[in-house]
Amino acid sequence: MLKFLAAMVIPLYVLVYTALYGRWLTKRRAPAKAAAAAYALAGLSFAVSAVIFWRLFTR
């Protein structure tokens, strides 16, 4: 169980990294599509980890 929870921290790190990357792209005035893709990946990572944690703790 602890090993699984430790592995689930990875999507949370992906969330933080891609959100920071999206902010960096926005500050560098990169194309809006690039920043939107980074934020979409961050949102997807958050959704995946939220669903897995929800299912894990509500059983």
Protein backbone atom coordinates (compact mmCIF):
# COMPACT_ATOMS: atom_id res chain seq x y z
CA MET A 1 0.00 0.00 0.00
CA LEU A 2 2.77 2.44 0.90
CA LYS A 3 4.61 1.59 -2.30
CA PHE A 4 1.47 2.37 -4.30
CA LEU A 5 1.00 5.73 -2.55
CA ALA A 6 4.64 6.60 -3.16
CA ALA A 7 4.15 5.81 -6.85
CA MET A 8 1.06 8.01 -6.98
CA VAL A 9 3.12 11.02 -5.95
CA ILE A 10 4.63 11.01 -9.45
CA PRO A 11 1.48 12.43 -11.15
CA LEU A 12 1.44 15.17 -8.52
CA TYR A 13 5.03 16.04 -9.40
CA VAL A 14 4.01 16.09 -13.06
CA LEU A 15 1.23 18.51 -12.13
CA VAL A 16 3.61 20.89 -10.37
CA TYR A 17 6.27 20.69 -13.07
CA THR A 18 3.89 21.26 -15.97
CA ALA A 19 2.08 24.10 -14.20
CA LEU A 20 5.42 25.83 -13.61
CA TYR A 21 6.40 25.16 -17.22
CA GLY A 22 3.12 26.71 -18.40
CA ARG A 23 3.80 29.81 -16.31
CA TRP A 24 7.30 30.01 -17.75
CA LEU A 25 5.93 29.75 -21.29
CA THR A 26 3.42 32.49 -20.57
CA LYS A 27 6.16 34.79 -19.25
CA ARG A 28 8.32 34.17 -22.31
CA ARG A 29 5.40 35.10 -24.55
CA ALA A 30 5.44 31.73 -26.24
CA PRO A 31 2.52 30.77 -28.49
CA ALA A 32 -0.70 30.37 -26.55
CA LYS A 33 -1.08 26.81 -27.83
CA ALA A 34 2.13 25.76 -26.08
CA ALA A 35 1.05 27.18 -22.72
CA ALA A 36 -2.45 25.73 -23.14
CA ALA A 37 -0.98 22.30 -23.85
CA ALA A 38 1.15 22.48 -20.70
CA TYR A 39 -1.84 23.52 -18.60
CA ALA A 40 -3.99 20.78 -20.17
CA LEU A 41 -1.36 18.19 -19.27
CA ALA A 42 -1.24 19.54 -15.72
CA GLY A 43 -5.03 19.31 -15.47
CA LEU A 44 -5.03 15.78 -16.82
CA SER A 45 -2.38 14.76 -14.31
CA PHE A 46 -4.40 16.28 -11.49
CA ALA A 47 -7.56 14.51 -12.65
CA VAL A 48 -5.85 11.13 -12.85
CA SER A 49 -4.34 11.37 -9.39
CA ALA A 50 -7.59 12.71 -7.91
CA VAL A 51 -9.62 9.83 -9.33
CA ILE A 52 -7.14 7.21 -8.15
CA PHE A 53 -6.87 8.71 -4.65
CA TRP A 54 -10.68 9.00 -4.46
CA ARG A 55 -11.17 5.36 -5.41
CA LEU A 56 -8.41 4.27 -3.06
CA PHE A 57 -9.77 6.03 0.02
CA THR A 58 -13.52 5.46 -0.52
CA ARG A 59 -13.43 1.68 -0.72
